[in-house]
N, C-alpha and C. Protein backbone atom coordinates (compact mmCIF):
# COMPACT_ATOMS: atom_id res chain seq x y z
N MET A 1 0.06 40.46 44.96
CA MET A 1 -1.13 40.54 44.13
C MET A 1 -2.31 40.08 44.98
N SER A 2 -3.37 40.86 44.98
CA SER A 2 -4.53 40.50 45.79
C SER A 2 -5.28 39.32 45.17
N GLU A 3 -6.15 38.73 45.98
CA GLU A 3 -6.91 37.56 45.50
C GLU A 3 -7.77 37.92 44.29
N THR A 4 -8.43 39.07 44.34
CA THR A 4 -9.30 39.43 43.22
C THR A 4 -8.47 39.71 41.97
N THR A 5 -7.31 40.35 42.13
CA THR A 5 -6.44 40.60 40.98
C THR A 5 -5.95 39.28 40.42
N MET A 6 -5.56 38.36 41.30
CA MET A 6 -5.08 37.05 40.85
C MET A 6 -6.18 36.31 40.11
N GLU A 7 -7.39 36.37 40.62
CA GLU A 7 -8.49 35.67 39.96
C GLU A 7 -8.77 36.29 38.59
N HIS A 8 -8.70 37.60 38.49
CA HIS A 8 -8.89 38.25 37.20
C HIS A 8 -7.80 37.83 36.21
N TYR A 9 -6.56 37.77 36.71
CA TYR A 9 -5.45 37.32 35.89
C TYR A 9 -5.68 35.89 35.39
N VAL A 10 -6.08 35.01 36.31
CA VAL A 10 -6.32 33.61 35.96
C VAL A 10 -7.44 33.50 34.92
N ARG A 11 -8.50 34.23 35.14
CA ARG A 11 -9.62 34.19 34.18
C ARG A 11 -9.17 34.66 32.79
N ALA A 12 -8.40 35.75 32.75
CA ALA A 12 -7.93 36.28 31.46
C ALA A 12 -6.99 35.29 30.79
N ALA A 13 -6.06 34.73 31.56
CA ALA A 13 -5.11 33.78 30.99
C ALA A 13 -5.81 32.53 30.46
N LEU A 14 -6.78 32.02 31.20
CA LEU A 14 -7.53 30.85 30.74
C LEU A 14 -8.31 31.15 29.48
N ALA A 15 -8.92 32.33 29.43
CA ALA A 15 -9.70 32.71 28.25
C ALA A 15 -8.79 32.84 27.02
N LEU A 16 -7.61 33.45 27.21
CA LEU A 16 -6.68 33.61 26.09
C LEU A 16 -6.20 32.26 25.55
N GLN A 17 -6.11 31.27 26.43
CA GLN A 17 -5.66 29.95 26.02
C GLN A 17 -6.81 29.06 25.55
N GLY A 18 -8.03 29.55 25.67
CA GLY A 18 -9.18 28.79 25.21
C GLY A 18 -9.71 27.76 26.20
N TYR A 19 -9.33 27.90 27.47
CA TYR A 19 -9.81 26.97 28.49
C TYR A 19 -11.10 27.48 29.11
N ALA A 20 -11.95 26.55 29.50
CA ALA A 20 -13.18 26.90 30.20
C ALA A 20 -13.31 25.99 31.42
N PHE A 21 -13.18 26.58 32.59
CA PHE A 21 -13.29 25.83 33.84
C PHE A 21 -14.46 26.36 34.63
N ASP A 22 -14.97 25.54 35.55
CA ASP A 22 -16.04 26.01 36.43
C ASP A 22 -15.44 26.90 37.52
N GLU A 23 -16.31 27.54 38.28
CA GLU A 23 -15.89 28.50 39.30
C GLU A 23 -14.98 27.89 40.35
N GLN A 24 -15.26 26.65 40.73
CA GLN A 24 -14.45 25.99 41.75
C GLN A 24 -13.01 25.79 41.26
N HIS A 25 -12.86 25.34 40.03
CA HIS A 25 -11.52 25.14 39.49
C HIS A 25 -10.77 26.45 39.31
N ILE A 26 -11.46 27.49 38.89
CA ILE A 26 -10.82 28.79 38.73
C ILE A 26 -10.31 29.29 40.09
N ALA A 27 -11.12 29.11 41.13
CA ALA A 27 -10.70 29.52 42.47
C ALA A 27 -9.48 28.73 42.93
N GLU A 28 -9.44 27.43 42.63
CA GLU A 28 -8.30 26.59 43.01
C GLU A 28 -7.04 27.01 42.25
N ILE A 29 -7.17 27.31 40.98
CA ILE A 29 -6.03 27.75 40.17
C ILE A 29 -5.49 29.08 40.72
N ALA A 30 -6.40 30.01 41.02
CA ALA A 30 -5.99 31.30 41.57
C ALA A 30 -5.29 31.12 42.91
N LEU A 31 -5.77 30.21 43.74
CA LEU A 31 -5.15 29.93 45.02
C LEU A 31 -3.72 29.40 44.83
N GLN A 32 -3.54 28.48 43.90
CA GLN A 32 -2.21 27.94 43.64
C GLN A 32 -1.25 29.03 43.16
N PHE A 33 -1.72 29.89 42.25
CA PHE A 33 -0.88 30.98 41.78
C PHE A 33 -0.54 31.93 42.91
N SER A 34 -1.47 32.17 43.82
CA SER A 34 -1.19 33.02 44.98
C SER A 34 -0.12 32.40 45.85
N ARG A 35 -0.18 31.11 46.04
CA ARG A 35 0.84 30.41 46.83
C ARG A 35 2.21 30.52 46.16
N ILE A 36 2.24 30.33 44.85
CA ILE A 36 3.50 30.44 44.11
C ILE A 36 4.07 31.85 44.22
N ALA A 37 3.20 32.85 44.11
CA ALA A 37 3.64 34.25 44.22
C ALA A 37 4.22 34.53 45.61
N THR A 38 3.63 33.95 46.65
CA THR A 38 4.14 34.14 48.01
C THR A 38 5.53 33.53 48.15
N ILE A 39 5.72 32.35 47.60
CA ILE A 39 7.04 31.71 47.64
C ILE A 39 8.05 32.54 46.86
N ALA A 40 7.67 33.04 45.69
CA ALA A 40 8.57 33.85 44.87
C ALA A 40 8.97 35.12 45.60
N GLU A 41 8.04 35.76 46.30
CA GLU A 41 8.35 36.97 47.06
C GLU A 41 9.41 36.68 48.11
N ALA A 42 9.29 35.54 48.78
CA ALA A 42 10.27 35.19 49.81
C ALA A 42 11.65 34.97 49.20
N VAL A 43 11.71 34.31 48.07
CA VAL A 43 12.99 34.03 47.42
C VAL A 43 13.60 35.33 46.89
N LEU A 44 12.79 36.17 46.27
CA LEU A 44 13.30 37.40 45.66
C LEU A 44 13.63 38.47 46.69
N SER A 45 13.18 38.32 47.92
CA SER A 45 13.46 39.33 48.94
C SER A 45 14.86 39.19 49.53
N VAL A 46 15.54 38.09 49.26
CA VAL A 46 16.89 37.88 49.78
C VAL A 46 17.87 38.63 48.88
N PRO A 47 18.58 39.60 49.44
CA PRO A 47 19.53 40.36 48.61
C PRO A 47 20.73 39.51 48.22
N LEU A 48 21.19 39.72 47.01
CA LEU A 48 22.37 39.01 46.54
C LEU A 48 23.59 39.92 46.69
N PRO A 49 24.72 39.35 47.05
CA PRO A 49 25.92 40.18 47.15
C PRO A 49 26.35 40.64 45.75
N PRO A 50 27.02 41.76 45.67
CA PRO A 50 27.42 42.30 44.36
C PRO A 50 28.31 41.35 43.55
N ASP A 51 29.05 40.48 44.23
CA ASP A 51 29.95 39.58 43.51
C ASP A 51 29.30 38.24 43.16
N ALA A 52 28.00 38.10 43.37
CA ALA A 52 27.30 36.86 43.03
C ALA A 52 27.33 36.66 41.52
N GLU A 53 27.59 35.44 41.13
CA GLU A 53 27.66 35.12 39.71
C GLU A 53 26.46 34.27 39.32
N PRO A 54 25.96 34.44 38.10
CA PRO A 54 24.85 33.60 37.65
C PRO A 54 25.31 32.15 37.49
N ALA A 55 24.37 31.26 37.58
CA ALA A 55 24.68 29.84 37.40
C ALA A 55 25.09 29.58 35.95
N PRO A 56 25.98 28.64 35.75
CA PRO A 56 26.39 28.35 34.38
C PRO A 56 25.22 27.77 33.59
N VAL A 57 25.23 27.99 32.30
CA VAL A 57 24.19 27.49 31.40
C VAL A 57 24.83 26.42 30.52
N TYR A 58 24.23 25.25 30.50
CA TYR A 58 24.74 24.17 29.67
C TYR A 58 24.38 24.43 28.22
N ARG A 59 25.38 24.43 27.39
CA ARG A 59 25.16 24.59 25.93
C ARG A 59 25.95 23.51 25.22
N PRO A 60 25.25 22.55 24.63
CA PRO A 60 25.96 21.45 23.96
C PRO A 60 26.68 21.90 22.70
């Protein structure tokens, strides 16, 4: 996701939640989301073997 797309996403999400931040904070939030997206891309790019099993889910 490009920086401008990320910033648009952040602005829309903040508006939907009723938050109002100044331009500096919006830029910082968009930067953090960009960093998270970069980490997620690296994790998701690793192929899983066909026999990989999902982690167990605790259900009391």
